[in-house]
Amino acid sequence: MEKDWQRVYATNQTYLVQIVQGILLEEGIKSVVINKQDAMYMFGEIEIYVQRENVLRASHLIKRSEL
């Protein structure tokens, strides 16, 4: 991952990642998902990253969505 991408969200629920990505996309914010869950036991997190210049806006949108 390039150094100008920052993590803005992490969860272990796949559906929440899809919702957050949709919210960000609607606002024109590109995001990247990195799935760090174990495939067999499903522990670990799925993380969403955005470019550094979008971190504050993305964080605000996520917080406002109350997920």
PDB file of N, CA and C in Angstrom:
ATOM      1  N   MET A   1       0.853  -1.171   0.000  1.00  0.00           N
ATOM      2  CA  MET A   1       0.000   0.000   0.000  1.00  0.00           C
ATOM      3  C   MET A   1       0.895   1.229   0.000  1.00  0.00           C
ATOM      4  N   GLU A   2       0.561   2.154  -0.841  1.00  0.00           N
ATOM      5  CA  GLU A   2       1.343   3.389  -0.900  1.00  0.00           C
ATOM      6  C   GLU A   2       1.194   4.172   0.389  1.00  0.00           C
ATOM      7  N   LYS A   3       2.167   4.996   0.700  1.00  0.00           N
ATOM      8  CA  LYS A   3       2.173   5.685   1.981  1.00  0.00           C
ATOM      9  C   LYS A   3       1.170   6.823   2.081  1.00  0.00           C
ATOM     10  N   ASP A   4       0.559   7.257   0.990  1.00  0.00           N
ATOM     11  CA  ASP A   4      -0.418   8.333   1.086  1.00  0.00           C
ATOM     12  C   ASP A   4      -1.858   7.819   1.251  1.00  0.00           C
ATOM     13  N   TRP A   5      -2.029   6.549   1.588  1.00  0.00           N
ATOM     14  CA  TRP A   5      -3.328   5.976   1.904  1.00  0.00           C
ATOM     15  C   TRP A   5      -3.395   5.749   3.414  1.00  0.00           C
ATOM     16  N   GLN A   6      -4.538   6.072   4.009  1.00  0.00           N
ATOM     17  CA  GLN A   6      -4.715   5.957   5.453  1.00  0.00           C
ATOM     18  C   GLN A   6      -5.946   5.102   5.759  1.00  0.00           C
ATOM     19  N   ARG A   7      -5.860   4.331   6.825  1.00  0.00           N
ATOM     20  CA  ARG A   7      -7.007   3.519   7.248  1.00  0.00           C
ATOM     21  C   ARG A   7      -8.045   4.422   7.905  1.00  0.00           C
ATOM     22  N   VAL A   8      -9.302   4.284   7.475  1.00  0.00           N
ATOM     23  CA  VAL A   8     -10.380   5.081   8.057  1.00  0.00           C
ATOM     24  C   VAL A   8     -11.454   4.223   8.719  1.00  0.00           C
ATOM     25  N   TYR A   9     -11.420   2.916   8.470  1.00  0.00           N
ATOM     26  CA  TYR A   9     -12.470   2.060   9.023  1.00  0.00           C
ATOM     27  C   TYR A   9     -11.973   0.629   9.082  1.00  0.00           C
ATOM     28  N   ALA A  10     -12.388  -0.081  10.117  1.00  0.00           N
ATOM     29  CA  ALA A  10     -12.066  -1.504  10.239  1.00  0.00           C
ATOM     30  C   ALA A  10     -13.204  -2.197  10.972  1.00  0.00           C
ATOM     31  N   THR A  11     -13.549  -3.379  10.512  1.00  0.00           N
ATOM     32  CA  THR A  11     -14.609  -4.174  11.122  1.00  0.00           C
ATOM     33  C   THR A  11     -14.386  -5.634  10.758  1.00  0.00           C
ATOM     34  N   ASN A  12     -15.128  -6.513  11.412  1.00  0.00           N
ATOM     35  CA  ASN A  12     -15.078  -7.919  11.025  1.00  0.00           C
ATOM     36  C   ASN A  12     -16.340  -8.332  10.268  1.00  0.00           C
ATOM     37  N   GLN A  13     -17.196  -7.363   9.954  1.00  0.00           N
ATOM     38  CA  GLN A  13     -18.456  -7.613   9.257  1.00  0.00           C
ATOM     39  C   GLN A  13     -18.369  -7.170   7.789  1.00  0.00           C
ATOM     40  N   THR A  14     -18.466  -8.110   6.882  1.00  0.00           N
ATOM     41  CA  THR A  14     -18.348  -7.818   5.453  1.00  0.00           C
ATOM     42  C   THR A  14     -19.409  -6.830   4.982  1.00  0.00           C
ATOM     43  N   TYR A  15     -20.631  -6.968   5.450  1.00  0.00           N
ATOM     44  CA  TYR A  15     -21.705  -6.088   4.984  1.00  0.00           C
ATOM     45  C   TYR A  15     -21.458  -4.631   5.382  1.00  0.00           C
ATOM     46  N   LEU A  16     -20.832  -4.400   6.532  1.00  0.00           N
ATOM     47  CA  LEU A  16     -20.536  -3.025   6.950  1.00  0.00           C
ATOM     48  C   LEU A  16     -19.484  -2.395   6.042  1.00  0.00           C
ATOM     49  N   VAL A  17     -18.530  -3.184   5.606  1.00  0.00           N
ATOM     50  CA  VAL A  17     -17.514  -2.689   4.681  1.00  0.00           C
ATOM     51  C   VAL A  17     -18.172  -2.255   3.380  1.00  0.00           C
ATOM     52  N   GLN A  18     -19.111  -3.052   2.898  1.00  0.00           N
ATOM     53  CA  GLN A  18     -19.801  -2.716   1.650  1.00  0.00           C
ATOM     54  C   GLN A  18     -20.631  -1.445   1.799  1.00  0.00           C
ATOM     55  N   ILE A  19     -21.276  -1.270   2.943  1.00  0.00           N
ATOM     56  CA  ILE A  19     -22.060  -0.057   3.197  1.00  0.00           C
ATOM     57  C   ILE A  19     -21.152   1.169   3.231  1.00  0.00           C
ATOM     58  N   VAL A  20     -20.053   1.074   3.970  1.00  0.00           N
ATOM     59  CA  VAL A  20     -19.123   2.201   4.081  1.00  0.00           C
ATOM     60  C   VAL A  20     -18.527   2.540   2.725  1.00  0.00           C
ATOM     61  N   GLN A  21     -18.138   1.543   1.974  1.00  0.00           N
ATOM     62  CA  GLN A  21     -17.594   1.804   0.636  1.00  0.00           C
ATOM     63  C   GLN A  21     -18.617   2.502  -0.240  1.00  0.00           C
ATOM     64  N   GLY A  22     -19.865   2.110  -0.138  1.00  0.00           N
ATOM     65  CA  GLY A  22     -20.928   2.756  -0.903  1.00  0.00           C
ATOM     66  C   GLY A  22     -21.104   4.218  -0.518  1.00  0.00           C
ATOM     67  N   ILE A  23     -21.062   4.502   0.783  1.00  0.00           N
ATOM     68  CA  ILE A  23     -21.184   5.880   1.270  1.00  0.00           C
ATOM     69  C   ILE A  23     -20.037   6.731   0.722  1.00  0.00           C
ATOM     70  N   LEU A  24     -18.829   6.196   0.793  1.00  0.00           N
ATOM     71  CA  LEU A  24     -17.674   6.934   0.302  1.00  0.00           C
ATOM     72  C   LEU A  24     -17.750   7.152  -1.203  1.00  0.00           C
ATOM     73  N   LEU A  25     -18.156   6.126  -1.938  1.00  0.00           N
ATOM     74  CA  LEU A  25     -18.260   6.227  -3.386  1.00  0.00           C
ATOM     75  C   LEU A  25     -19.291   7.273  -3.799  1.00  0.00           C
ATOM     76  N   GLU A  26     -20.421   7.335  -3.082  1.00  0.00           N
ATOM     77  CA  GLU A  26     -21.450   8.337  -3.376  1.00  0.00           C
ATOM     78  C   GLU A  26     -20.905   9.753  -3.237  1.00  0.00           C
ATOM     79  N   GLU A  27     -19.933   9.932  -2.375  1.00  0.00           N
ATOM     80  CA  GLU A  27     -19.326  11.248  -2.152  1.00  0.00           C
ATOM     81  C   GLU A  27     -18.071  11.466  -3.000  1.00  0.00           C
ATOM     82  N   GLY A  28     -17.786  10.528  -3.883  1.00  0.00           N
ATOM     83  CA  GLY A  28     -16.649  10.671  -4.791  1.00  0.00           C
ATOM     84  C   GLY A  28     -15.307  10.349  -4.177  1.00  0.00           C
ATOM     85  N   ILE A  29     -15.305   9.585  -3.090  1.00  0.00           N
ATOM     86  CA  ILE A  29     -14.062   9.219  -2.417  1.00  0.00           C
ATOM     87  C   ILE A  29     -13.688   7.789  -2.796  1.00  0.00           C
ATOM     88  N   LYS A  30     -12.537   7.636  -3.430  1.00  0.00           N
ATOM     89  CA  LYS A  30     -12.046   6.302  -3.779  1.00  0.00           C
ATOM     90  C   LYS A  30     -11.553   5.612  -2.515  1.00  0.00           C
ATOM     91  N   SER A  31     -11.797   4.311  -2.439  1.00  0.00           N
ATOM     92  CA  SER A  31     -11.335   3.558  -1.278  1.00  0.00           C
ATOM     93  C   SER A  31     -10.775   2.208  -1.717  1.00  0.00           C
ATOM     94  N   VAL A  32      -9.957   1.642  -0.837  1.00  0.00           N
ATOM     95  CA  VAL A  32      -9.364   0.333  -1.062  1.00  0.00           C
ATOM     96  C   VAL A  32      -9.668  -0.524   0.161  1.00  0.00           C
ATOM     97  N   VAL A  33     -10.089  -1.753  -0.078  1.00  0.00           N
ATOM     98  CA  VAL A  33     -10.393  -2.680   1.016  1.00  0.00           C
ATOM     99  C   VAL A  33      -9.272  -3.707   1.112  1.00  0.00           C
ATOM    100  N   ILE A  34      -8.806  -3.920   2.325  1.00  0.00           N
ATOM    101  CA  ILE A  34      -7.827  -4.971   2.589  1.00  0.00           C
ATOM    102  C   ILE A  34      -8.444  -5.916   3.607  1.00  0.00           C
ATOM    103  N   ASN A  35      -8.648  -7.159   3.181  1.00  0.00           N
ATOM    104  CA  ASN A  35      -9.268  -8.164   4.033  1.00  0.00           C
ATOM    105  C   ASN A  35      -8.173  -8.930   4.770  1.00  0.00           C
ATOM    106  N   LYS A  36      -8.110  -8.737   6.079  1.00  0.00           N
ATOM    107  CA  LYS A  36      -7.117  -9.407   6.909  1.00  0.00           C
ATOM    108  C   LYS A  36      -7.745 -10.527   7.743  1.00  0.00           C
ATOM    109  N   GLN A  37      -8.951 -10.948   7.342  1.00  0.00           N
ATOM    110  CA  GLN A  37      -9.617 -12.032   8.060  1.00  0.00           C
ATOM    111  C   GLN A  37      -9.038 -13.379   7.672  1.00  0.00           C
ATOM    112  N   ASP A  38      -8.997 -14.265   8.633  1.00  0.00           N
ATOM    113  CA  ASP A  38      -8.626 -15.636   8.376  1.00  0.00           C
ATOM    114  C   ASP A  38      -9.771 -16.293   7.597  1.00  0.00           C
ATOM    115  N   ALA A  39      -9.467 -16.940   6.510  1.00  0.00           N
ATOM    116  CA  ALA A  39     -10.498 -17.506   5.642  1.00  0.00           C
ATOM    117  C   ALA A  39     -11.285 -18.632   6.306  1.00  0.00           C
ATOM    118  N   MET A  40     -10.672 -19.374   7.177  1.00  0.00           N
ATOM    119  CA  MET A  40     -11.348 -20.517   7.767  1.00  0.00           C
ATOM    120  C   MET A  40     -12.132 -20.158   9.029  1.00  0.00           C
ATOM    121  N   TYR A  41     -11.527 -19.374   9.902  1.00  0.00           N
ATOM    122  CA  TYR A  41     -12.150 -19.096  11.200  1.00  0.00           C
ATOM    123  C   TYR A  41     -12.806 -17.724  11.276  1.00  0.00           C
ATOM    124  N   MET A  42     -12.633 -16.901  10.247  1.00  0.00           N
ATOM    125  CA  MET A  42     -13.272 -15.595  10.130  1.00  0.00           C
ATOM    126  C   MET A  42     -12.971 -14.647  11.292  1.00  0.00           C
ATOM    127  N   PHE A  43     -11.764 -14.718  11.856  1.00  0.00           N
ATOM    128  CA  PHE A  43     -11.364 -13.712  12.831  1.00  0.00           C
ATOM    129  C   PHE A  43     -10.390 -12.757  12.143  1.00  0.00           C
ATOM    130  N   GLY A  44     -10.264 -11.585  12.684  1.00  0.00           N
ATOM    131  CA  GLY A  44      -9.448 -10.547  12.062  1.00  0.00           C
ATOM    132  C   GLY A  44     -10.357  -9.471  11.506  1.00  0.00           C
ATOM    133  N   GLU A  45      -9.765  -8.467  10.902  1.00  0.00           N
ATOM    134  CA  GLU A  45     -10.535  -7.324  10.435  1.00  0.00           C
ATOM    135  C   GLU A  45     -10.436  -7.127   8.932  1.00  0.00           C
ATOM    136  N   ILE A  46     -11.425  -6.427   8.425  1.00  0.00           N
ATOM    137  CA  ILE A  46     -11.430  -5.947   7.055  1.00  0.00           C
ATOM    138  C   ILE A  46     -11.253  -4.436   7.170  1.00  0.00           C
ATOM    139  N   GLU A  47     -10.287  -3.880   6.466  1.00  0.00           N
ATOM    140  CA  GLU A  47      -9.955  -2.471   6.611  1.00  0.00           C
ATOM    141  C   GLU A  47     -10.253  -1.699   5.332  1.00  0.00           C
ATOM    142  N   ILE A  48     -10.667  -0.434   5.517  1.00  0.00           N
ATOM    143  CA  ILE A  48     -10.893   0.461   4.387  1.00  0.00           C
ATOM    144  C   ILE A  48      -9.878   1.595   4.471  1.00  0.00           C
ATOM    145  N   TYR A  49      -9.228   1.855   3.348  1.00  0.00           N
ATOM    146  CA  TYR A  49      -8.236   2.914   3.243  1.00  0.00           C
ATOM    147  C   TYR A  49      -8.690   3.946   2.212  1.00  0.00           C
ATOM    148  N   VAL A  50      -8.377   5.214   2.474  1.00  0.00           N
ATOM    149  CA  VAL A  50      -8.617   6.288   1.520  1.00  0.00           C
ATOM    150  C   VAL A  50      -7.333   7.094   1.387  1.00  0.00           C
ATOM    151  N   GLN A  51      -7.250   7.893   0.338  1.00  0.00           N
ATOM    152  CA  GLN A  51      -6.078   8.741   0.162  1.00  0.00           C
ATOM    153  C   GLN A  51      -6.036   9.794   1.265  1.00  0.00           C
ATOM    154  N   ARG A  52      -4.843  10.184   1.626  1.00  0.00           N
ATOM    155  CA  ARG A  52      -4.619  11.074   2.769  1.00  0.00           C
ATOM    156  C   ARG A  52      -5.481  12.336   2.718  1.00  0.00           C
ATOM    157  N   GLU A  53      -5.646  12.934   1.551  1.00  0.00           N
ATOM    158  CA  GLU A  53      -6.412  14.188   1.458  1.00  0.00           C
ATOM    159  C   GLU A  53      -7.910  13.992   1.722  1.00  0.00           C
ATOM    160  N   ASN A  54      -8.378  12.748   1.746  1.00  0.00           N
ATOM    161  CA  ASN A  54      -9.790  12.466   1.982  1.00  0.00           C
ATOM    162  C   ASN A  54     -10.083  11.895   3.367  1.00  0.00           C
ATOM    163  N   VAL A  55      -9.070  11.777   4.210  1.00  0.00           N
ATOM    164  CA  VAL A  55      -9.234  11.117   5.504  1.00  0.00           C
ATOM    165  C   VAL A  55     -10.269  11.825   6.385  1.00  0.00           C
ATOM    166  N   LEU A  56     -10.158  13.121   6.539  1.00  0.00           N
ATOM    167  CA  LEU A  56     -11.091  13.847   7.416  1.00  0.00           C
ATOM    168  C   LEU A  56     -12.527  13.759   6.905  1.00  0.00           C
ATOM    169  N   ARG A  57     -12.698  13.967   5.624  1.00  0.00           N
ATOM    170  CA  ARG A  57     -14.040  13.905   5.039  1.00  0.00           C
ATOM    171  C   ARG A  57     -14.626  12.503   5.159  1.00  0.00           C
ATOM    172  N   ALA A  58     -13.824  11.488   4.866  1.00  0.00           N
ATOM    173  CA  ALA A  58     -14.288  10.104   4.961  1.00  0.00           C
ATOM    174  C   ALA A  58     -14.634   9.746   6.403  1.00  0.00           C
ATOM    175  N   SER A  59     -13.784  10.127   7.342  1.00  0.00           N
ATOM    176  CA  SER A  59     -14.042   9.841   8.760  1.00  0.00           C
ATOM    177  C   SER A  59     -15.336  10.489   9.213  1.00  0.00           C
ATOM    178  N   HIS A  60     -15.567  11.711   8.781  1.00  0.00           N
ATOM    179  CA  HIS A  60     -16.808  12.415   9.142  1.00  0.00           C
ATOM    180  C   HIS A  60     -18.025  11.693   8.556  1.00  0.00           C
ATOM    181  N   LEU A  61     -17.951  11.287   7.314  1.00  0.00           N
ATOM    182  CA  LEU A  61     -19.073  10.584   6.679  1.00  0.00           C
ATOM    183  C   LEU A  61     -19.362   9.254   7.396  1.00  0.00           C
ATOM    184  N   ILE A  62     -18.314   8.543   7.757  1.00  0.00           N
ATOM    185  CA  ILE A  62     -18.489   7.251   8.436  1.00  0.00           C
ATOM    186  C   ILE A  62     -19.106   7.465   9.815  1.00  0.00           C
ATOM    187  N   LYS A  63     -18.586   8.443  10.532  1.00  0.00           N
ATOM    188  CA  LYS A  63     -19.104   8.729  11.874  1.00  0.00           C
ATOM    189  C   LYS A  63     -20.571   9.160  11.802  1.00  0.00           C
ATOM    190  N   ARG A  64     -20.903   9.980  10.810  1.00  0.00           N
ATOM    191  CA  ARG A  64     -22.269  10.473  10.632  1.00  0.00           C
ATOM    192  C   ARG A  64     -23.241   9.344  10.286  1.00  0.00           C
ATOM    193  N   SER A  65     -22.755   8.299   9.657  1.00  0.00           N
ATOM    194  CA  SER A  65     -23.623   7.177   9.257  1.00  0.00           C
ATOM    195  C   SER A  65     -23.976   6.272  10.425  1.00  0.00           C
ATOM    196  N   GLU A  66     -23.298   6.438  11.569  1.00  0.00           N
ATOM    197  CA  GLU A  66     -23.589   5.694  12.802  1.00  0.00           C
ATOM    198  C   GLU A  66     -23.502   4.183  12.642  1.00  0.00           C
ATOM    199  N   LEU A  67     -22.460   3.698  11.974  1.00  0.00           N
ATOM    200  CA  LEU A  67     -22.274   2.255  11.790  1.00  0.00           C
ATOM    201  C   LEU A  67     -21.509   1.673  12.938  1.00  0.00           C
TER     202      LEU A  67
END
